Amino acid sequence: MRDVAVIGVGETEFGELWDRSFRDLGIEAGLKAIQDAKLRSEDIDAVYIGNMSAGKFIDQEHVSALVADYSGLADMHLPTVRVEGGGACGAIALLQARLAIASGMHDIVVVGGAEKMTDVGEVQAAEILSSTADQEWESVFGATFAGLYAMMARRHMHEFGTTREQMAAVAVKNHKNGALNPEAQFQKEITIDAVLQAPWVAEPLGLFDCAPLSDGAAAVVLCEAQRAPRSGSRGPARRATSSPSTTGAISRRSMRR
């Protein structure tokens, strides 16, 4: 298996972007990553896009080909793959792209994640998110997206002694990172006390423990490590990894940056 490096990154603004379409967001993030990697369209071997449920949120399926087409890549006849895996769509797309390069199938791959979640009402959005659960044995009994994550959190607390304060520290860390990112949906730091005193969503998860509904996209360009740039302004190549998704999404439309 070959080593894989990240050679380009790009992202859009995240938030309630009612004036931006899904394709606008996906194309912006992808083109930024390609430009950051200083590539031409001829250099790209494949495109992977992580997306949970564009069919229900915006009535649009076949989103990987859509984004590739409107990015001007249609004439390249590239394989374009949509990856669906609930809240982990982007991470799984990154994993699949990494494996394609590590195996020798491809040398350079553009991979991204994109969602357009705020074009529907909050109740409909919650129903769409809940469709990622088992409809026969979970949702039918009233399990929600956040509720399922709450049960996972309870089990983690039971098995490992995890405290509410330790979980709150994750939200504090995430908001600190967001405060440093001009594209983040929420750009304010929060305290442990703010997390602990926030309204419950599904105990032991409160408002700040759960991801918001959001529109946005991010992309990276992966490359076989031996072909990655090693000097100059870009610096050393970054090795590709993937990470799990956040907890169940809810609406925070009443919050302000």
C-alpha atoms as a PDB file:
ATOM      1  CA  MET A   1       0.000   0.000   0.000  1.00  0.00           C
ATOM      2  CA  ARG A   2       1.284   3.458  -0.928  1.00  0.00           C
ATOM      3  CA  ASP A   3       1.425   6.455   1.389  1.00  0.00           C
ATOM      4  CA  VAL A   4      -1.077   9.244   0.667  1.00  0.00           C
ATOM      5  CA  ALA A   5      -0.658  12.996   1.195  1.00  0.00           C
ATOM      6  CA  VAL A   6      -2.998  15.991   1.250  1.00  0.00           C
ATOM      7  CA  ILE A   7      -1.771  18.580  -1.258  1.00  0.00           C
ATOM      8  CA  GLY A   8      -4.706  20.996  -1.446  1.00  0.00           C
ATOM      9  CA  VAL A   9      -7.613  22.173   0.708  1.00  0.00           C
ATOM     10  CA  GLY A  10     -10.690  24.338   0.204  1.00  0.00           C
ATOM     11  CA  GLU A  11     -13.886  25.224   2.037  1.00  0.00           C
ATOM     12  CA  THR A  12     -16.900  27.482   1.809  1.00  0.00           C
ATOM     13  CA  GLU A  13     -18.646  29.545   4.409  1.00  0.00           C
ATOM     14  CA  PHE A  14     -20.881  27.436   6.673  1.00  0.00           C
ATOM     15  CA  GLY A  15     -24.301  28.504   7.927  1.00  0.00           C
ATOM     16  CA  GLU A  16     -27.790  29.257   6.611  1.00  0.00           C
ATOM     17  CA  LEU A  17     -26.807  29.993   3.024  1.00  0.00           C
ATOM     18  CA  TRP A  18     -30.210  30.380   1.395  1.00  0.00           C
ATOM     19  CA  ASP A  19     -28.737  32.315  -1.548  1.00  0.00           C
ATOM     20  CA  ARG A  20     -26.306  29.499  -2.414  1.00  0.00           C
ATOM     21  CA  SER A  21     -27.184  26.226  -4.153  1.00  0.00           C
ATOM     22  CA  PHE A  22     -25.711  22.812  -3.434  1.00  0.00           C
ATOM     23  CA  ARG A  23     -23.731  22.889  -6.671  1.00  0.00           C
ATOM     24  CA  ASP A  24     -22.413  26.376  -5.892  1.00  0.00           C
ATOM     25  CA  LEU A  25     -21.047  25.179  -2.558  1.00  0.00           C
ATOM     26  CA  GLY A  26     -19.563  21.930  -3.856  1.00  0.00           C
ATOM     27  CA  ILE A  27     -17.910  23.636  -6.809  1.00  0.00           C
ATOM     28  CA  GLU A  28     -16.466  26.459  -4.699  1.00  0.00           C
ATOM     29  CA  ALA A  29     -14.838  24.084  -2.213  1.00  0.00           C
ATOM     30  CA  GLY A  30     -13.542  21.744  -4.919  1.00  0.00           C
ATOM     31  CA  LEU A  31     -12.062  24.479  -7.093  1.00  0.00           C
ATOM     32  CA  LYS A  32     -10.386  26.096  -4.082  1.00  0.00           C
ATOM     33  CA  ALA A  33      -8.742  22.762  -3.241  1.00  0.00           C
ATOM     34  CA  ILE A  34      -7.628  22.206  -6.835  1.00  0.00           C
ATOM     35  CA  GLN A  35      -6.188  25.719  -7.050  1.00  0.00           C
ATOM     36  CA  ASP A  36      -4.471  25.268  -3.696  1.00  0.00           C
ATOM     37  CA  ALA A  37      -2.854  22.092  -5.054  1.00  0.00           C
ATOM     38  CA  LYS A  38      -1.838  23.970  -8.235  1.00  0.00           C
ATOM     39  CA  LEU A  39      -3.324  21.279 -10.468  1.00  0.00           C
ATOM     40  CA  ARG A  40      -4.951  21.214 -13.880  1.00  0.00           C
ATOM     41  CA  SER A  41      -8.146  19.287 -14.587  1.00  0.00           C
ATOM     42  CA  GLU A  42      -6.080  16.825 -16.644  1.00  0.00           C
ATOM     43  CA  ASP A  43      -4.177  15.825 -13.499  1.00  0.00           C
ATOM     44  CA  ILE A  44      -7.253  14.532 -11.639  1.00  0.00           C
ATOM     45  CA  ASP A  45      -8.075  10.819 -11.716  1.00  0.00           C
ATOM     46  CA  ALA A  46     -11.353  10.688  -9.756  1.00  0.00           C
ATOM     47  CA  VAL A  47     -13.800  12.653  -7.609  1.00  0.00           C
ATOM     48  CA  TYR A  48     -15.410  11.419  -4.373  1.00  0.00           C
ATOM     49  CA  ILE A  49     -18.193  13.401  -2.677  1.00  0.00           C
ATOM     50  CA  GLY A  50     -19.675  12.666   0.730  1.00  0.00           C
ATOM     51  CA  ASN A  51     -23.339  13.627   1.016  1.00  0.00           C
ATOM     52  CA  MET A  52     -25.989  12.324   3.369  1.00  0.00           C
ATOM     53  CA  SER A  53     -29.366  13.097   1.858  1.00  0.00           C
ATOM     54  CA  ALA A  54     -29.508  15.651  -0.954  1.00  0.00           C
ATOM     55  CA  GLY A  55     -32.432  13.696  -2.394  1.00  0.00           C
ATOM     56  CA  LYS A  56     -34.594  14.602   0.607  1.00  0.00           C
ATOM     57  CA  PHE A  57     -33.152  18.002   1.481  1.00  0.00           C
ATOM     58  CA  ILE A  58     -33.142  19.515  -2.035  1.00  0.00           C
ATOM     59  CA  ASP A  59     -34.720  16.806  -4.262  1.00  0.00           C
ATOM     60  CA  GLN A  60     -31.386  16.267  -6.024  1.00  0.00           C
ATOM     61  CA  GLU A  61     -29.746  12.894  -6.500  1.00  0.00           C
ATOM     62  CA  HIS A  62     -26.626  12.033  -8.542  1.00  0.00           C
ATOM     63  CA  VAL A  63     -24.790  14.906  -6.872  1.00  0.00           C
ATOM     64  CA  SER A  64     -21.236  13.754  -7.600  1.00  0.00           C
ATOM     65  CA  ALA A  65     -21.767  13.913 -11.358  1.00  0.00           C
ATOM     66  CA  LEU A  66     -23.646  17.198 -10.972  1.00  0.00           C
ATOM     67  CA  VAL A  67     -20.746  18.884  -9.184  1.00  0.00           C
ATOM     68  CA  ALA A  68     -18.156  17.431 -11.581  1.00  0.00           C
ATOM     69  CA  ASP A  69     -20.183  18.611 -14.585  1.00  0.00           C
ATOM     70  CA  TYR A  70     -20.577  22.180 -13.354  1.00  0.00           C
ATOM     71  CA  SER A  71     -16.924  22.262 -12.321  1.00  0.00           C
ATOM     72  CA  GLY A  72     -15.965  21.824 -15.970  1.00  0.00           C
ATOM     73  CA  LEU A  73     -14.728  18.255 -15.508  1.00  0.00           C
ATOM     74  CA  ALA A  74     -17.339  16.487 -17.646  1.00  0.00           C
ATOM     75  CA  ASP A  75     -15.017  16.240 -20.658  1.00  0.00           C
ATOM     76  CA  MET A  76     -12.406  14.500 -18.512  1.00  0.00           C
ATOM     77  CA  HIS A  77     -14.652  11.402 -18.219  1.00  0.00           C
ATOM     78  CA  LEU A  78     -13.639  10.942 -14.603  1.00  0.00           C
ATOM     79  CA  PRO A  79     -15.227   8.434 -12.254  1.00  0.00           C
ATOM     80  CA  THR A  80     -17.342  10.464  -9.831  1.00  0.00           C
ATOM     81  CA  VAL A  81     -18.570   8.696  -6.705  1.00  0.00           C
ATOM     82  CA  ARG A  82     -21.093   9.799  -4.093  1.00  0.00           C
ATOM     83  CA  VAL A  83     -20.537   8.293  -0.646  1.00  0.00           C
ATOM     84  CA  GLU A  84     -23.393   8.123   1.881  1.00  0.00           C
ATOM     85  CA  GLY A  85     -22.837   7.252   5.522  1.00  0.00           C
ATOM     86  CA  GLY A  86     -25.047   9.441   7.727  1.00  0.00           C
ATOM     87  CA  GLY A  87     -23.057  11.956   9.724  1.00  0.00           C
ATOM     88  CA  ALA A  88     -19.767  10.364   8.647  1.00  0.00           C
ATOM     89  CA  CYS A  89     -20.229  10.908   4.887  1.00  0.00           C
ATOM     90  CA  GLY A  90     -17.225  13.192   4.468  1.00  0.00           C
ATOM     91  CA  ALA A  91     -14.937  10.997   6.546  1.00  0.00           C
ATOM     92  CA  ILE A  92     -15.953   7.875   4.620  1.00  0.00           C
ATOM     93  CA  ALA A  93     -15.458   9.639   1.274  1.00  0.00           C
ATOM     94  CA  LEU A  94     -11.968  10.630   2.448  1.00  0.00           C
ATOM     95  CA  LEU A  95     -11.263   7.040   3.456  1.00  0.00           C
ATOM     96  CA  GLN A  96     -12.416   5.670   0.092  1.00  0.00           C
ATOM     97  CA  ALA A  97     -10.329   8.204  -1.820  1.00  0.00           C
ATOM     98  CA  ARG A  98      -7.302   7.413   0.317  1.00  0.00           C
ATOM     99  CA  LEU A  99      -7.732   3.679  -0.302  1.00  0.00           C
ATOM    100  CA  ALA A 100      -8.045   4.270  -4.075  1.00  0.00           C
ATOM    101  CA  ILE A 101      -4.664   6.004  -4.087  1.00  0.00           C
ATOM    102  CA  ALA A 102      -2.973   3.663  -1.598  1.00  0.00           C
ATOM    103  CA  SER A 103      -4.005   0.664  -3.693  1.00  0.00           C
ATOM    104  CA  GLY A 104      -2.521   2.145  -6.869  1.00  0.00           C
ATOM    105  CA  MET A 105      -5.867   2.581  -8.641  1.00  0.00           C
ATOM    106  CA  HIS A 106      -5.511   6.379  -8.776  1.00  0.00           C
ATOM    107  CA  ASP A 107      -2.707   8.903  -8.186  1.00  0.00           C
ATOM    108  CA  ILE A 108      -4.598  12.166  -7.601  1.00  0.00           C
ATOM    109  CA  VAL A 109      -8.155  12.387  -6.257  1.00  0.00           C
ATOM    110  CA  VAL A 110     -10.417  15.284  -5.269  1.00  0.00           C
ATOM    111  CA  VAL A 111     -12.617  14.428  -2.304  1.00  0.00           C
ATOM    112  CA  GLY A 112     -15.152  16.582  -0.532  1.00  0.00           C
ATOM    113  CA  GLY A 113     -18.228  16.757   1.629  1.00  0.00           C
ATOM    114  CA  ALA A 114     -21.221  18.995   0.963  1.00  0.00           C
ATOM    115  CA  GLU A 115     -24.660  19.496   2.503  1.00  0.00           C
ATOM    116  CA  LYS A 116     -27.579  21.867   1.943  1.00  0.00           C
ATOM    117  CA  MET A 117     -29.753  21.343   5.020  1.00  0.00           C
ATOM    118  CA  THR A 118     -31.546  24.626   5.724  1.00  0.00           C
ATOM    119  CA  ASP A 119     -33.899  24.753   2.721  1.00  0.00           C
ATOM    120  CA  VAL A 120     -36.454  22.670   4.650  1.00  0.00           C
ATOM    121  CA  GLY A 121     -38.201  23.363   7.942  1.00  0.00           C
ATOM    122  CA  GLU A 122     -36.826  22.176  11.254  1.00  0.00           C
ATOM    123  CA  VAL A 123     -39.390  19.382  11.672  1.00  0.00           C
ATOM    124  CA  GLN A 124     -38.718  18.026   8.183  1.00  0.00           C
ATOM    125  CA  ALA A 125     -34.966  18.296   8.746  1.00  0.00           C
ATOM    126  CA  ALA A 126     -35.275  16.259  11.939  1.00  0.00           C
ATOM    127  CA  GLU A 127     -37.231  13.597  10.060  1.00  0.00           C
ATOM    128  CA  ILE A 128     -34.593  13.451   7.330  1.00  0.00           C
ATOM    129  CA  LEU A 129     -31.812  13.086   9.889  1.00  0.00           C
ATOM    130  CA  SER A 130     -33.754  10.363  11.686  1.00  0.00           C
ATOM    131  CA  SER A 131     -33.996   8.426   8.421  1.00  0.00           C
ATOM    132  CA  THR A 132     -30.339   7.469   8.921  1.00  0.00           C
ATOM    133  CA  ALA A 133     -31.448   5.343  11.874  1.00  0.00           C
ATOM    134  CA  ASP A 134     -33.028   1.892  11.608  1.00  0.00           C
ATOM    135  CA  GLN A 135     -36.605   2.618  10.515  1.00  0.00           C
ATOM    136  CA  GLU A 136     -37.875  -0.794  11.605  1.00  0.00           C
ATOM    137  CA  TRP A 137     -36.339  -1.011  15.075  1.00  0.00           C
ATOM    138  CA  GLU A 138     -35.346   2.538  16.100  1.00  0.00           C
ATOM    139  CA  SER A 139     -37.230   5.412  14.468  1.00  0.00           C
ATOM    140  CA  VAL A 140     -40.594   3.636  14.655  1.00  0.00           C
ATOM    141  CA  PHE A 141     -40.267   3.642  18.445  1.00  0.00           C
ATOM    142  CA  GLY A 142     -39.497   7.358  18.586  1.00  0.00           C
ATOM    143  CA  ALA A 143     -35.704   7.357  18.477  1.00  0.00           C
ATOM    144  CA  THR A 144     -34.281  10.613  17.139  1.00  0.00           C
ATOM    145  CA  PHE A 145     -30.828  11.305  15.752  1.00  0.00           C
ATOM    146  CA  ALA A 146     -29.742  13.150  18.890  1.00  0.00           C
ATOM    147  CA  GLY A 147     -31.469  10.572  21.089  1.00  0.00           C
ATOM    148  CA  LEU A 148     -29.434   7.735  19.627  1.00  0.00           C
ATOM    149  CA  TYR A 149     -26.204   9.634  20.206  1.00  0.00           C
ATOM    150  CA  ALA A 150     -27.364  10.325  23.758  1.00  0.00           C
ATOM    151  CA  MET A 151     -27.685   6.606  24.364  1.00  0.00           C
ATOM    152  CA  MET A 152     -24.182   6.097  22.990  1.00  0.00           C
ATOM    153  CA  ALA A 153     -22.915   8.817  25.322  1.00  0.00           C
ATOM    154  CA  ARG A 154     -24.636   7.179  28.292  1.00  0.00           C
ATOM    155  CA  ARG A 155     -23.015   3.855  27.433  1.00  0.00           C
ATOM    156  CA  HIS A 156     -19.608   5.515  27.152  1.00  0.00           C
ATOM    157  CA  MET A 157     -20.109   7.136  30.552  1.00  0.00           C
ATOM    158  CA  HIS A 158     -21.086   3.753  32.010  1.00  0.00           C
ATOM    159  CA  GLU A 159     -18.169   1.814  30.526  1.00  0.00           C
ATOM    160  CA  PHE A 160     -15.355   4.352  30.863  1.00  0.00           C
ATOM    161  CA  GLY A 161     -16.453   6.721  33.608  1.00  0.00           C
ATOM    162  CA  THR A 162     -16.656   9.654  31.212  1.00  0.00           C
ATOM    163  CA  THR A 163     -18.013  12.749  32.951  1.00  0.00           C
ATOM    164  CA  ARG A 164     -20.352  15.439  31.705  1.00  0.00           C
ATOM    165  CA  GLU A 165     -17.525  17.957  32.126  1.00  0.00           C
ATOM    166  CA  GLN A 166     -15.237  15.905  29.894  1.00  0.00           C
ATOM    167  CA  MET A 167     -17.853  15.798  27.145  1.00  0.00           C
ATOM    168  CA  ALA A 168     -18.436  19.533  27.539  1.00  0.00           C
ATOM    169  CA  ALA A 169     -14.728  20.118  26.925  1.00  0.00           C
ATOM    170  CA  VAL A 170     -15.215  18.792  23.381  1.00  0.00           C
ATOM    171  CA  ALA A 171     -17.757  21.515  22.617  1.00  0.00           C
ATOM    172  CA  VAL A 172     -15.451  24.144  24.144  1.00  0.00           C
ATOM    173  CA  LYS A 173     -12.586  22.929  21.954  1.00  0.00           C
ATOM    174  CA  ASN A 174     -14.771  22.914  18.822  1.00  0.00           C
ATOM    175  CA  HIS A 175     -15.996  26.463  19.408  1.00  0.00           C
ATOM    176  CA  LYS A 176     -12.446  27.653  20.061  1.00  0.00           C
ATOM    177  CA  ASN A 177     -11.437  26.236  16.687  1.00  0.00           C
ATOM    178  CA  GLY A 178     -14.486  27.848  15.084  1.00  0.00           C
ATOM    179  CA  ALA A 179     -13.535  31.227  16.519  1.00  0.00           C
ATOM    180  CA  LEU A 180     -10.269  30.991  14.560  1.00  0.00           C
ATOM    181  CA  ASN A 181     -11.997  30.088  11.278  1.00  0.00           C
ATOM    182  CA  PRO A 182     -13.659  32.950   9.334  1.00  0.00           C
ATOM    183  CA  GLU A 183     -15.780  30.394   7.448  1.00  0.00           C
ATOM    184  CA  ALA A 184     -17.215  28.706  10.559  1.00  0.00           C
ATOM    185  CA  GLN A 185     -20.932  28.887  11.300  1.00  0.00           C
ATOM    186  CA  PHE A 186     -20.334  29.922  14.912  1.00  0.00           C
ATOM    187  CA  GLN A 187     -17.289  32.051  15.648  1.00  0.00           C
ATOM    188  CA  LYS A 188     -17.517  32.563  19.399  1.00  0.00           C
ATOM    189  CA  GLU A 189     -15.677  30.749  22.156  1.00  0.00           C
ATOM    190  CA  ILE A 190     -17.775  29.240  24.946  1.00  0.00           C
ATOM    191  CA  THR A 191     -17.052  28.069  28.474  1.00  0.00           C
ATOM    192  CA  ILE A 192     -17.543  24.751  30.227  1.00  0.00           C
ATOM    193  CA  ASP A 193     -20.271  26.355  32.355  1.00  0.00           C
ATOM    194  CA  ALA A 194     -22.135  27.552  29.251  1.00  0.00           C
ATOM    195  CA  VAL A 195     -22.176  24.004  27.903  1.00  0.00           C
ATOM    196  CA  LEU A 196     -23.303  22.500  31.213  1.00  0.00           C
ATOM    197  CA  GLN A 197     -26.082  25.062  31.692  1.00  0.00           C
ATOM    198  CA  ALA A 198     -27.443  24.878  28.124  1.00  0.00           C
ATOM    199  CA  PRO A 199     -30.895  23.352  27.548  1.00  0.00           C
ATOM    200  CA  TRP A 200     -31.062  19.590  27.179  1.00  0.00           C
ATOM    201  CA  VAL A 201     -31.553  18.113  23.720  1.00  0.00           C
ATOM    202  CA  ALA A 202     -31.350  14.462  24.744  1.00  0.00           C
ATOM    203  CA  GLU A 203     -29.785  13.944  28.158  1.00  0.00           C
ATOM    204  CA  PRO A 204     -26.791  13.862  28.670  1.00  0.00           C
ATOM    205  CA  LEU A 205     -26.407  15.939  25.472  1.00  0.00           C
ATOM    206  CA  GLY A 206     -27.243  19.624  25.590  1.00  0.00           C
ATOM    207  CA  LEU A 207     -27.525  22.302  22.935  1.00  0.00           C
ATOM    208  CA  PHE A 208     -23.781  22.791  22.532  1.00  0.00           C
ATOM    209  CA  ASP A 209     -23.074  19.053  22.311  1.00  0.00           C
ATOM    210  CA  CYS A 210     -25.058  18.678  19.100  1.00  0.00           C
ATOM    211  CA  ALA A 211     -24.225  19.822  15.582  1.00  0.00           C
ATOM    212  CA  PRO A 212     -26.401  22.520  13.980  1.00  0.00           C
ATOM    213  CA  LEU A 213     -28.252  22.366  10.709  1.00  0.00           C
ATOM    214  CA  SER A 214     -25.889  23.906   8.206  1.00  0.00           C
ATOM    215  CA  ASP A 215     -25.099  24.520   4.553  1.00  0.00           C
ATOM    216  CA  GLY A 216     -21.523  24.307   3.340  1.00  0.00           C
ATOM    217  CA  ALA A 217     -18.807  22.249   1.721  1.00  0.00           C
ATOM    218  CA  ALA A 218     -15.157  21.358   2.169  1.00  0.00           C
ATOM    219  CA  ALA A 219     -12.713  19.545  -0.091  1.00  0.00           C
ATOM    220  CA  VAL A 220      -9.169  18.223  -0.196  1.00  0.00           C
ATOM    221  CA  VAL A 221      -6.899  16.935  -2.927  1.00  0.00           C
ATOM    222  CA  LEU A 222      -5.125  13.671  -2.161  1.00  0.00           C
ATOM    223  CA  CYS A 223      -2.014  12.496  -3.934  1.00  0.00           C
ATOM    224  CA  GLU A 224       0.316   9.532  -3.895  1.00  0.00           C
ATOM    225  CA  ALA A 225       2.967  10.674  -1.417  1.00  0.00           C
ATOM    226  CA  GLN A 226       5.945  10.241  -3.742  1.00  0.00           C
ATOM    227  CA  ARG A 227       4.400  12.760  -6.151  1.00  0.00           C
ATOM    228  CA  ALA A 228       3.568  15.327  -3.476  1.00  0.00           C
ATOM    229  CA  PRO A 229       5.551  18.606  -3.300  1.00  0.00           C
ATOM    230  CA  ARG A 230       8.177  18.541  -0.562  1.00  0.00           C
ATOM    231  CA  SER A 231       9.634  22.045  -0.639  1.00  0.00           C
ATOM    232  CA  GLY A 232       8.804  25.661  -1.356  1.00  0.00           C
ATOM    233  CA  SER A 233       5.949  27.745   0.009  1.00  0.00           C
ATOM    234  CA  ARG A 234       3.620  24.775   0.437  1.00  0.00           C
ATOM    235  CA  GLY A 235       5.890  23.046   2.938  1.00  0.00           C
ATOM    236  CA  PRO A 236       5.920  19.318   3.660  1.00  0.00           C
ATOM    237  CA  ALA A 237       3.034  17.207   2.438  1.00  0.00           C
ATOM    238  CA  ARG A 238       0.375  16.318   4.992  1.00  0.00           C
ATOM    239  CA  ARG A 239      -0.497  12.657   5.464  1.00  0.00           C
ATOM    240  CA  ALA A 240      -4.157  11.849   4.897  1.00  0.00           C
ATOM    241  CA  THR A 241      -6.331  10.633   7.758  1.00  0.00           C
ATOM    242  CA  SER A 242     -10.043  10.510   8.475  1.00  0.00           C
ATOM    243  CA  SER A 243     -12.052  11.290  11.594  1.00  0.00           C
ATOM    244  CA  PRO A 244     -15.503  10.401  12.923  1.00  0.00           C
ATOM    245  CA  SER A 245     -18.482  12.703  12.609  1.00  0.00           C
ATOM    246  CA  THR A 246     -19.982  14.859  15.317  1.00  0.00           C
ATOM    247  CA  THR A 247     -23.096  14.098  17.324  1.00  0.00           C
ATOM    248  CA  GLY A 248     -26.656  14.377  16.025  1.00  0.00           C
ATOM    249  CA  ALA A 249     -27.571  17.601  14.258  1.00  0.00           C
ATOM    250  CA  ILE A 250     -30.239  19.971  15.555  1.00  0.00           C
ATOM    251  CA  SER A 251     -31.225  23.507  14.691  1.00  0.00           C
ATOM    252  CA  ARG A 252     -29.583  26.478  16.379  1.00  0.00           C
ATOM    253  CA  ARG A 253     -31.194  29.129  14.192  1.00  0.00           C
ATOM    254  CA  SER A 254     -31.864  31.352  17.187  1.00  0.00           C
ATOM    255  CA  MET A 255     -28.141  31.607  17.946  1.00  0.00           C
ATOM    256  CA  ARG A 256     -25.996  34.414  16.589  1.00  0.00           C
ATOM    257  CA  ARG A 257     -22.297  34.501  15.799  1.00  0.00           C
END
